[in-house]
Amino acid sequence: MTESKSMILGCAGKSLTPEEIRFYSDERPWGFILFARNVSETEQIRDLVASMRDCVGRP
C-alpha cells in the first residue's frame, strides 16, 4: 500500500465515473470534499462515500 498524497479532491457528480475511480485509486488523496452537486439523498451520499473509500483502500 502506498502513502496518501497531500490533496483533497472532489468529484463531478452524484457517483464516481470509471475515470475518477482509476484516478483516485492511483493518486490516493488524503480526503474528499462533497459539494451540493454531489448530494441528493442519504442513501446516495452513503454510497458515494463508500465508493470513495473503496477506491483509496480505506474501510
PDB file of N, CA and C in Angstrom:
ATOM      1  N   MET A   1       0.849  -1.178   0.000  1.00  0.00           N
ATOM      2  CA  MET A   1       0.000   0.000   0.000  1.00  0.00           C
ATOM      3  C   MET A   1       0.895   1.241   0.000  1.00  0.00           C
ATOM      4  N   THR A   2       0.570   2.192  -0.861  1.00  0.00           N
ATOM      5  CA  THR A   2       1.364   3.413  -0.935  1.00  0.00           C
ATOM      6  C   THR A   2       0.777   4.481  -0.025  1.00  0.00           C
ATOM      7  N   GLU A   3       1.595   5.460   0.279  1.00  0.00           N
ATOM      8  CA  GLU A   3       1.161   6.573   1.130  1.00  0.00           C
ATOM      9  C   GLU A   3       0.148   7.445   0.398  1.00  0.00           C
ATOM     10  N   SER A   4      -0.743   8.052   1.165  1.00  0.00           N
ATOM     11  CA  SER A   4      -1.694   9.009   0.608  1.00  0.00           C
ATOM     12  C   SER A   4      -0.964  10.289   0.230  1.00  0.00           C
ATOM     13  N   LYS A   5      -1.451  10.938  -0.810  1.00  0.00           N
ATOM     14  CA  LYS A   5      -0.865  12.203  -1.242  1.00  0.00           C
ATOM     15  C   LYS A   5      -1.571  13.363  -0.555  1.00  0.00           C
ATOM     16  N   SER A   6      -0.845  14.440  -0.389  1.00  0.00           N
ATOM     17  CA  SER A   6      -1.355  15.626   0.305  1.00  0.00           C
ATOM     18  C   SER A   6      -2.302  16.412  -0.588  1.00  0.00           C
ATOM     19  N   MET A   7      -3.493  15.870  -0.783  1.00  0.00           N
ATOM     20  CA  MET A   7      -4.504  16.567  -1.577  1.00  0.00           C
ATOM     21  C   MET A   7      -5.890  16.109  -1.157  1.00  0.00           C
ATOM     22  N   ILE A   8      -6.833  16.984  -1.345  1.00  0.00           N
ATOM     23  CA  ILE A   8      -8.240  16.683  -1.105  1.00  0.00           C
ATOM     24  C   ILE A   8      -8.954  16.954  -2.426  1.00  0.00           C
ATOM     25  N   LEU A   9      -9.734  15.976  -2.875  1.00  0.00           N
ATOM     26  CA  LEU A   9     -10.358  16.065  -4.188  1.00  0.00           C
ATOM     27  C   LEU A   9     -11.872  15.963  -4.102  1.00  0.00           C
ATOM     28  N   GLY A  10     -12.535  16.472  -5.119  1.00  0.00           N
ATOM     29  CA  GLY A  10     -13.973  16.332  -5.258  1.00  0.00           C
ATOM     30  C   GLY A  10     -14.275  15.541  -6.514  1.00  0.00           C
ATOM     31  N   CYS A  11     -15.546  15.266  -6.743  1.00  0.00           N
ATOM     32  CA  CYS A  11     -15.932  14.555  -7.958  1.00  0.00           C
ATOM     33  C   CYS A  11     -16.982  15.373  -8.713  1.00  0.00           C
ATOM     34  N   ALA A  12     -17.239  14.975  -9.945  1.00  0.00           N
ATOM     35  CA  ALA A  12     -18.099  15.764 -10.823  1.00  0.00           C
ATOM     36  C   ALA A  12     -19.589  15.641 -10.527  1.00  0.00           C
ATOM     37  N   GLY A  13     -20.015  14.456 -10.086  1.00  0.00           N
ATOM     38  CA  GLY A  13     -21.448  14.254  -9.941  1.00  0.00           C
ATOM     39  C   GLY A  13     -21.835  13.521  -8.675  1.00  0.00           C
ATOM     40  N   LYS A  14     -22.962  12.820  -8.748  1.00  0.00           N
ATOM     41  CA  LYS A  14     -23.510  12.123  -7.586  1.00  0.00           C
ATOM     42  C   LYS A  14     -22.957  10.711  -7.428  1.00  0.00           C
ATOM     43  N   SER A  15     -22.166  10.255  -8.385  1.00  0.00           N
ATOM     44  CA  SER A  15     -21.471   8.974  -8.286  1.00  0.00           C
ATOM     45  C   SER A  15     -20.142   9.114  -9.026  1.00  0.00           C
ATOM     46  N   LEU A  16     -19.227   8.200  -8.738  1.00  0.00           N
ATOM     47  CA  LEU A  16     -17.911   8.269  -9.364  1.00  0.00           C
ATOM     48  C   LEU A  16     -17.951   7.689 -10.770  1.00  0.00           C
ATOM     49  N   THR A  17     -17.257   8.346 -11.680  1.00  0.00           N
ATOM     50  CA  THR A  17     -17.100   7.811 -13.029  1.00  0.00           C
ATOM     51  C   THR A  17     -15.961   6.798 -13.010  1.00  0.00           C
ATOM     52  N   PRO A  18     -15.887   5.921 -14.010  1.00  0.00           N
ATOM     53  CA  PRO A  18     -14.758   4.987 -14.075  1.00  0.00           C
ATOM     54  C   PRO A  18     -13.411   5.715 -14.103  1.00  0.00           C
ATOM     55  N   GLU A  19     -13.361   6.854 -14.773  1.00  0.00           N
ATOM     56  CA  GLU A  19     -12.121   7.633 -14.832  1.00  0.00           C
ATOM     57  C   GLU A  19     -11.739   8.163 -13.449  1.00  0.00           C
ATOM     58  N   GLU A  20     -12.725   8.651 -12.692  1.00  0.00           N
ATOM     59  CA  GLU A  20     -12.455   9.140 -11.336  1.00  0.00           C
ATOM     60  C   GLU A  20     -11.972   8.007 -10.436  1.00  0.00           C
ATOM     61  N   ILE A  21     -12.589   6.844 -10.546  1.00  0.00           N
ATOM     62  CA  ILE A  21     -12.169   5.697  -9.733  1.00  0.00           C
ATOM     63  C   ILE A  21     -10.713   5.351 -10.013  1.00  0.00           C
ATOM     64  N   ARG A  22     -10.343   5.280 -11.288  1.00  0.00           N
ATOM     65  CA  ARG A  22      -8.944   4.978 -11.648  1.00  0.00           C
ATOM     66  C   ARG A  22      -8.002   6.052 -11.113  1.00  0.00           C
ATOM     67  N   PHE A  23      -8.363   7.316 -11.303  1.00  0.00           N
ATOM     68  CA  PHE A  23      -7.515   8.415 -10.851  1.00  0.00           C
ATOM     69  C   PHE A  23      -7.334   8.389  -9.340  1.00  0.00           C
ATOM     70  N   TYR A  24      -8.436   8.256  -8.592  1.00  0.00           N
ATOM     71  CA  TYR A  24      -8.357   8.238  -7.127  1.00  0.00           C
ATOM     72  C   TYR A  24      -7.577   7.028  -6.630  1.00  0.00           C
ATOM     73  N   SER A  25      -7.747   5.887  -7.289  1.00  0.00           N
ATOM     74  CA  SER A  25      -7.008   4.682  -6.899  1.00  0.00           C
ATOM     75  C   SER A  25      -5.510   4.879  -7.091  1.00  0.00           C
ATOM     76  N   ASP A  26      -5.134   5.538  -8.176  1.00  0.00           N
ATOM     77  CA  ASP A  26      -3.712   5.793  -8.449  1.00  0.00           C
ATOM     78  C   ASP A  26      -3.134   6.867  -7.537  1.00  0.00           C
ATOM     79  N   GLU A  27      -3.871   7.941  -7.314  1.00  0.00           N
ATOM     80  CA  GLU A  27      -3.345   9.097  -6.585  1.00  0.00           C
ATOM     81  C   GLU A  27      -3.508   9.011  -5.070  1.00  0.00           C
ATOM     82  N   ARG A  28      -4.495   8.269  -4.596  1.00  0.00           N
ATOM     83  CA  ARG A  28      -4.727   8.075  -3.161  1.00  0.00           C
ATOM     84  C   ARG A  28      -4.686   9.386  -2.368  1.00  0.00           C
ATOM     85  N   PRO A  29      -5.667  10.274  -2.595  1.00  0.00           N
ATOM     86  CA  PRO A  29      -5.682  11.556  -1.874  1.00  0.00           C
ATOM     87  C   PRO A  29      -5.939  11.366  -0.385  1.00  0.00           C
ATOM     88  N   TRP A  30      -5.562  12.380   0.400  1.00  0.00           N
ATOM     89  CA  TRP A  30      -5.849  12.377   1.844  1.00  0.00           C
ATOM     90  C   TRP A  30      -7.336  12.288   2.106  1.00  0.00           C
ATOM     91  N   GLY A  31      -8.105  12.980   1.291  1.00  0.00           N
ATOM     92  CA  GLY A  31      -9.539  13.017   1.549  1.00  0.00           C
ATOM     93  C   GLY A  31     -10.319  13.535   0.361  1.00  0.00           C
ATOM     94  N   PHE A  32     -11.614  13.645   0.576  1.00  0.00           N
ATOM     95  CA  PHE A  32     -12.535  14.109  -0.453  1.00  0.00           C
ATOM     96  C   PHE A  32     -13.405  15.214   0.125  1.00  0.00           C
ATOM     97  N   ILE A  33     -13.905  16.067  -0.764  1.00  0.00           N
ATOM     98  CA  ILE A  33     -14.830  17.114  -0.360  1.00  0.00           C
ATOM     99  C   ILE A  33     -16.098  16.954  -1.196  1.00  0.00           C
ATOM    100  N   LEU A  34     -17.238  17.090  -0.554  1.00  0.00           N
ATOM    101  CA  LEU A  34     -18.515  16.997  -1.253  1.00  0.00           C
ATOM    102  C   LEU A  34     -19.120  18.390  -1.405  1.00  0.00           C
ATOM    103  N   PHE A  35     -19.722  18.629  -2.562  1.00  0.00           N
ATOM    104  CA  PHE A  35     -20.404  19.878  -2.858  1.00  0.00           C
ATOM    105  C   PHE A  35     -21.882  19.583  -3.104  1.00  0.00           C
ATOM    106  N   ALA A  36     -22.683  20.615  -3.233  1.00  0.00           N
ATOM    107  CA  ALA A  36     -24.121  20.441  -3.463  1.00  0.00           C
ATOM    108  C   ALA A  36     -24.391  19.565  -4.683  1.00  0.00           C
ATOM    109  N   ARG A  37     -23.558  19.679  -5.712  1.00  0.00           N
ATOM    110  CA  ARG A  37     -23.751  18.871  -6.924  1.00  0.00           C
ATOM    111  C   ARG A  37     -23.581  17.374  -6.670  1.00  0.00           C
ATOM    112  N   ASN A  38     -22.966  17.018  -5.542  1.00  0.00           N
ATOM    113  CA  ASN A  38     -22.674  15.619  -5.229  1.00  0.00           C
ATOM    114  C   ASN A  38     -23.717  14.942  -4.351  1.00  0.00           C
ATOM    115  N   VAL A  39     -24.668  15.684  -3.815  1.00  0.00           N
ATOM    116  CA  VAL A  39     -25.563  15.098  -2.816  1.00  0.00           C
ATOM    117  C   VAL A  39     -27.036  15.255  -3.186  1.00  0.00           C
ATOM    118  N   SER A  40     -27.812  14.219  -2.853  1.00  0.00           N
ATOM    119  CA  SER A  40     -29.265  14.304  -3.041  1.00  0.00           C
ATOM    120  C   SER A  40     -29.987  13.657  -1.869  1.00  0.00           C
ATOM    121  N   GLU A  41     -29.775  12.380  -1.652  1.00  0.00           N
ATOM    122  CA  GLU A  41     -30.456  11.657  -0.577  1.00  0.00           C
ATOM    123  C   GLU A  41     -29.430  10.956   0.304  1.00  0.00           C
ATOM    124  N   THR A  42     -29.844  10.609   1.495  1.00  0.00           N
ATOM    125  CA  THR A  42     -28.938   9.983   2.463  1.00  0.00           C
ATOM    126  C   THR A  42     -28.284   8.726   1.903  1.00  0.00           C
ATOM    127  N   GLU A  43     -29.065   7.847   1.294  1.00  0.00           N
ATOM    128  CA  GLU A  43     -28.512   6.594   0.763  1.00  0.00           C
ATOM    129  C   GLU A  43     -27.510   6.861  -0.359  1.00  0.00           C
ATOM    130  N   GLN A  44     -27.804   7.836  -1.214  1.00  0.00           N
ATOM    131  CA  GLN A  44     -26.890   8.184  -2.311  1.00  0.00           C
ATOM    132  C   GLN A  44     -25.575   8.703  -1.758  1.00  0.00           C
ATOM    133  N   ILE A  45     -25.629   9.533  -0.724  1.00  0.00           N
ATOM    134  CA  ILE A  45     -24.409  10.067  -0.104  1.00  0.00           C
ATOM    135  C   ILE A  45     -23.606   8.928   0.517  1.00  0.00           C
ATOM    136  N   ARG A  46     -24.290   8.037   1.200  1.00  0.00           N
ATOM    137  CA  ARG A  46     -23.630   6.881   1.819  1.00  0.00           C
ATOM    138  C   ARG A  46     -22.916   6.043   0.752  1.00  0.00           C
ATOM    139  N   ASP A  47     -23.573   5.802  -0.377  1.00  0.00           N
ATOM    140  CA  ASP A  47     -22.979   5.018  -1.460  1.00  0.00           C
ATOM    141  C   ASP A  47     -21.782   5.735  -2.078  1.00  0.00           C
ATOM    142  N   LEU A  48     -21.897   7.043  -2.274  1.00  0.00           N
ATOM    143  CA  LEU A  48     -20.796   7.814  -2.846  1.00  0.00           C
ATOM    144  C   LEU A  48     -19.576   7.772  -1.937  1.00  0.00           C
ATOM    145  N   VAL A  49     -19.773   8.004  -0.661  1.00  0.00           N
ATOM    146  CA  VAL A  49     -18.656   7.989   0.291  1.00  0.00           C
ATOM    147  C   VAL A  49     -18.031   6.594   0.351  1.00  0.00           C
ATOM    148  N   ALA A  50     -18.852   5.548   0.325  1.00  0.00           N
ATOM    149  CA  ALA A  50     -18.324   4.179   0.327  1.00  0.00           C
ATOM    150  C   ALA A  50     -17.483   3.928  -0.923  1.00  0.00           C
ATOM    151  N   SER A  51     -17.925   4.418  -2.070  1.00  0.00           N
ATOM    152  CA  SER A  51     -17.159   4.268  -3.312  1.00  0.00           C
ATOM    153  C   SER A  51     -15.824   4.985  -3.220  1.00  0.00           C
ATOM    154  N   MET A  52     -15.843   6.185  -2.653  1.00  0.00           N
ATOM    155  CA  MET A  52     -14.606   6.954  -2.497  1.00  0.00           C
ATOM    156  C   MET A  52     -13.629   6.220  -1.585  1.00  0.00           C
ATOM    157  N   ARG A  53     -14.124   5.700  -0.489  1.00  0.00           N
ATOM    158  CA  ARG A  53     -13.262   4.982   0.454  1.00  0.00           C
ATOM    159  C   ARG A  53     -12.711   3.707  -0.178  1.00  0.00           C
ATOM    160  N   ASP A  54     -13.549   2.990  -0.913  1.00  0.00           N
ATOM    161  CA  ASP A  54     -13.112   1.745  -1.554  1.00  0.00           C
ATOM    162  C   ASP A  54     -11.976   1.983  -2.539  1.00  0.00           C
ATOM    163  N   CYS A  55     -12.080   3.021  -3.339  1.00  0.00           N
ATOM    164  CA  CYS A  55     -11.066   3.206  -4.381  1.00  0.00           C
ATOM    165  C   CYS A  55      -9.727   3.670  -3.823  1.00  0.00           C
ATOM    166  N   VAL A  56      -9.691   4.159  -2.595  1.00  0.00           N
ATOM    167  CA  VAL A  56      -8.400   4.525  -1.991  1.00  0.00           C
ATOM    168  C   VAL A  56      -7.970   3.534  -0.914  1.00  0.00           C
ATOM    169  N   GLY A  57      -8.749   2.457  -0.754  1.00  0.00           N
ATOM    170  CA  GLY A  57      -8.358   1.391   0.157  1.00  0.00           C
ATOM    171  C   GLY A  57      -8.553   1.684   1.629  1.00  0.00           C
ATOM    172  N   ARG A  58      -9.597   2.437   1.945  1.00  0.00           N
ATOM    173  CA  ARG A  58      -9.888   2.726   3.354  1.00  0.00           C
ATOM    174  C   ARG A  58     -11.228   2.113   3.736  1.00  0.00           C
ATOM    175  N   PRO A  59     -11.318   1.589   4.957  1.00  0.00           N
ATOM    176  CA  PRO A  59     -12.584   0.973   5.388  1.00  0.00           C
ATOM    177  C   PRO A  59     -13.688   1.996   5.633  1.00  0.00           C
TER     178      PRO A  59
END
